[in-house]
Amino acid sequence: VNLFKKNPELARIAIHAASLQIINLRDHDIRCNLKNQLVNIAKYLAKQNTDMVDSNIVSKEDLDKLKDICLILLESAFNVSIATQQNQNVIAEFVDLLTQIVNTWNVMISVIKPIIQRFCEELPISQAKQFWSLLVRLRIT
């Protein structure tokens, strides 16, 4: 979170790189720390972007930056979820982490809603049903 305060561009690269490397480490404590960092980053971004999103005057450049951050958080959440222990459910972990992030920073809803919708439509039912509660949550908001 501190890196996001100082240099958002570098922070995006760092969180993405860390999420890619966590798969190789298979360390539960580091993975939990990275999960917490993702949620804390969403909290920080929610505080930072409240005024900007509430106003109707948002530049295309700012919207593109927000979308980019949302997609990096989405991909990082997926990478962290893949790094779960072998006997854990990756999809349930992914849905849980995404739900925490969305509950914290609702700007993500417009970006991830079509992606989650696609998962629900195209994954096998046994996998897609794990996304249903998140999709309902996204549709309500």
Protein backbone atom coordinates (compact mmCIF):
# COMPACT_ATOMS: atom_id res chain seq x y z
CA VAL A 1 0.00 0.00 0.00
CA ASN A 2 2.86 2.37 0.78
CA LEU A 3 4.27 1.84 -2.69
CA PHE A 4 0.87 2.73 -4.18
CA LYS A 5 1.01 6.00 -2.27
CA LYS A 6 4.50 6.83 -3.57
CA ASN A 7 4.47 5.44 -7.10
CA PRO A 8 1.24 3.85 -8.41
CA GLU A 9 2.80 2.70 -11.70
CA LEU A 10 5.62 0.84 -9.98
CA ALA A 11 3.19 -0.58 -7.41
CA ARG A 12 1.02 -2.09 -10.14
CA ILE A 13 4.04 -3.82 -11.64
CA ALA A 14 5.25 -4.99 -8.22
CA ILE A 15 1.91 -6.47 -7.13
CA HIS A 16 1.51 -8.23 -10.46
CA ALA A 17 5.05 -9.64 -10.36
CA ALA A 18 4.60 -10.78 -6.75
CA SER A 19 1.35 -12.54 -7.63
CA LEU A 20 3.06 -14.35 -10.50
CA GLN A 21 5.93 -15.49 -8.27
CA ILE A 22 3.75 -16.68 -5.38
CA ILE A 23 2.79 -19.70 -7.48
CA ASN A 24 6.42 -20.84 -7.46
CA LEU A 25 6.98 -20.23 -3.75
CA ARG A 26 3.98 -22.20 -2.42
CA ASP A 27 4.41 -20.48 0.95
CA HIS A 28 1.14 -20.16 2.86
CA ASP A 29 2.21 -17.17 4.97
CA ILE A 30 3.46 -15.16 2.01
CA ARG A 31 0.30 -16.01 0.06
CA CYS A 32 -1.90 -14.85 2.95
CA ASN A 33 0.12 -11.66 3.22
CA LEU A 34 -0.29 -11.00 -0.50
CA LYS A 35 -4.06 -11.63 -0.24
CA ASN A 36 -4.25 -9.10 2.57
CA GLN A 37 -2.19 -6.63 0.54
CA LEU A 38 -4.62 -6.93 -2.39
CA VAL A 39 -7.56 -6.13 -0.12
CA ASN A 40 -5.62 -3.29 1.54
CA ILE A 41 -4.76 -1.85 -1.88
CA ALA A 42 -8.46 -1.93 -2.75
CA LYS A 43 -9.21 -0.08 0.51
CA TYR A 44 -6.58 2.53 -0.28
CA LEU A 45 -7.86 2.96 -3.84
CA ALA A 46 -11.43 3.26 -2.57
CA LYS A 47 -10.37 6.15 -0.34
CA GLN A 48 -8.29 7.80 -3.07
CA ASN A 49 -10.80 7.54 -5.88
CA THR A 50 -14.07 8.30 -4.10
CA ASP A 51 -14.09 11.97 -5.07
CA MET A 52 -12.96 11.31 -8.62
CA VAL A 53 -15.57 8.63 -9.32
CA ASP A 54 -18.39 10.53 -7.62
CA SER A 55 -17.89 13.53 -9.87
CA ASN A 56 -19.21 13.28 -13.39
CA ILE A 57 -16.06 14.91 -14.72
CA VAL A 58 -13.64 12.01 -15.10
CA SER A 59 -11.13 12.04 -17.92
CA LYS A 60 -10.75 9.09 -20.26
CA GLU A 61 -7.15 8.77 -19.07
CA ASP A 62 -8.27 8.43 -15.45
CA LEU A 63 -10.91 5.87 -16.42
CA ASP A 64 -8.30 3.88 -18.33
CA LYS A 65 -5.98 3.93 -15.30
CA LEU A 66 -8.79 2.71 -13.03
CA LYS A 67 -9.66 -0.07 -15.45
CA ASP A 68 -6.01 -1.09 -15.67
CA ILE A 69 -5.71 -1.22 -11.88
CA CYS A 70 -8.93 -3.26 -11.67
CA LEU A 71 -7.64 -5.77 -14.20
CA ILE A 72 -4.31 -6.07 -12.42
CA LEU A 73 -6.11 -6.70 -9.12
CA LEU A 74 -8.32 -9.29 -10.86
CA GLU A 75 -5.37 -11.11 -12.38
CA SER A 76 -3.37 -10.89 -9.16
CA ALA A 77 -6.30 -12.31 -7.20
CA PHE A 78 -6.44 -15.20 -9.67
CA ASN A 79 -2.69 -15.81 -9.39
CA VAL A 80 -2.83 -15.80 -5.59
CA SER A 81 -5.78 -18.21 -5.69
CA ILE A 82 -3.93 -20.62 -7.95
CA ALA A 83 -1.17 -20.78 -5.34
CA THR A 84 -3.49 -22.44 -2.80
CA GLN A 85 -2.62 -25.82 -1.34
CA GLN A 86 -3.36 -28.72 -3.67
CA ASN A 87 -6.36 -29.94 -1.69
CA GLN A 88 -8.05 -26.52 -1.62
CA ASN A 89 -10.63 -25.28 -4.09
CA VAL A 90 -8.98 -22.65 -6.31
CA ILE A 91 -12.26 -21.26 -7.64
CA ALA A 92 -13.76 -20.86 -4.17
CA GLU A 93 -10.60 -19.07 -3.04
CA PHE A 94 -10.71 -16.81 -6.12
CA VAL A 95 -14.40 -15.96 -5.62
CA ASP A 96 -13.83 -15.24 -1.93
CA LEU A 97 -10.89 -12.91 -2.63
CA LEU A 98 -12.73 -11.12 -5.44
CA THR A 99 -15.76 -10.68 -3.20
CA GLN A 100 -13.58 -9.07 -0.53
CA ILE A 101 -12.01 -6.73 -3.08
CA VAL A 102 -15.35 -5.78 -4.66
CA ASN A 103 -16.93 -5.17 -1.26
CA THR A 104 -14.04 -2.87 -0.48
CA TRP A 105 -13.76 -1.04 -3.81
CA ASN A 106 -16.98 -1.10 -5.82
CA VAL A 107 -15.36 0.58 -8.84
CA MET A 108 -14.27 -2.93 -9.82
CA ILE A 109 -17.85 -4.02 -10.39
CA SER A 110 -18.20 -2.52 -13.86
CA VAL A 111 -14.89 -4.02 -14.96
CA ILE A 112 -15.23 -7.58 -13.64
CA LYS A 113 -18.98 -8.08 -14.07
CA PRO A 114 -18.74 -9.13 -17.76
CA ILE A 115 -15.83 -11.44 -16.94
CA ILE A 116 -17.68 -13.18 -14.12
CA GLN A 117 -20.79 -13.40 -16.33
CA ARG A 118 -18.69 -15.15 -18.98
CA PHE A 119 -17.31 -17.59 -16.40
CA CYS A 120 -20.86 -18.45 -15.35
CA GLU A 121 -21.92 -19.02 -18.94
CA GLU A 122 -18.95 -20.96 -20.24
CA LEU A 123 -17.43 -22.97 -17.40
CA PRO A 124 -18.80 -26.41 -16.55
CA ILE A 125 -21.70 -26.15 -14.10
CA SER A 126 -19.67 -27.64 -11.25
CA GLN A 127 -17.19 -24.76 -11.57
CA ALA A 128 -19.57 -22.01 -12.70
CA LYS A 129 -21.92 -22.41 -9.75
CA GLN A 130 -19.17 -21.16 -7.45
CA PHE A 131 -19.30 -17.79 -9.25
CA TRP A 132 -23.10 -17.42 -9.02
CA SER A 133 -23.19 -15.69 -5.64
CA LEU A 134 -20.57 -13.19 -6.78
CA LEU A 135 -22.45 -12.56 -10.03
CA VAL A 136 -25.66 -11.90 -8.11
CA ARG A 137 -23.75 -9.49 -5.87
CA LEU A 138 -22.37 -7.70 -8.94
CA ARG A 139 -25.80 -7.44 -10.53
CA ILE A 140 -27.38 -5.99 -7.41
CA THR A 141 -24.90 -3.14 -7.17
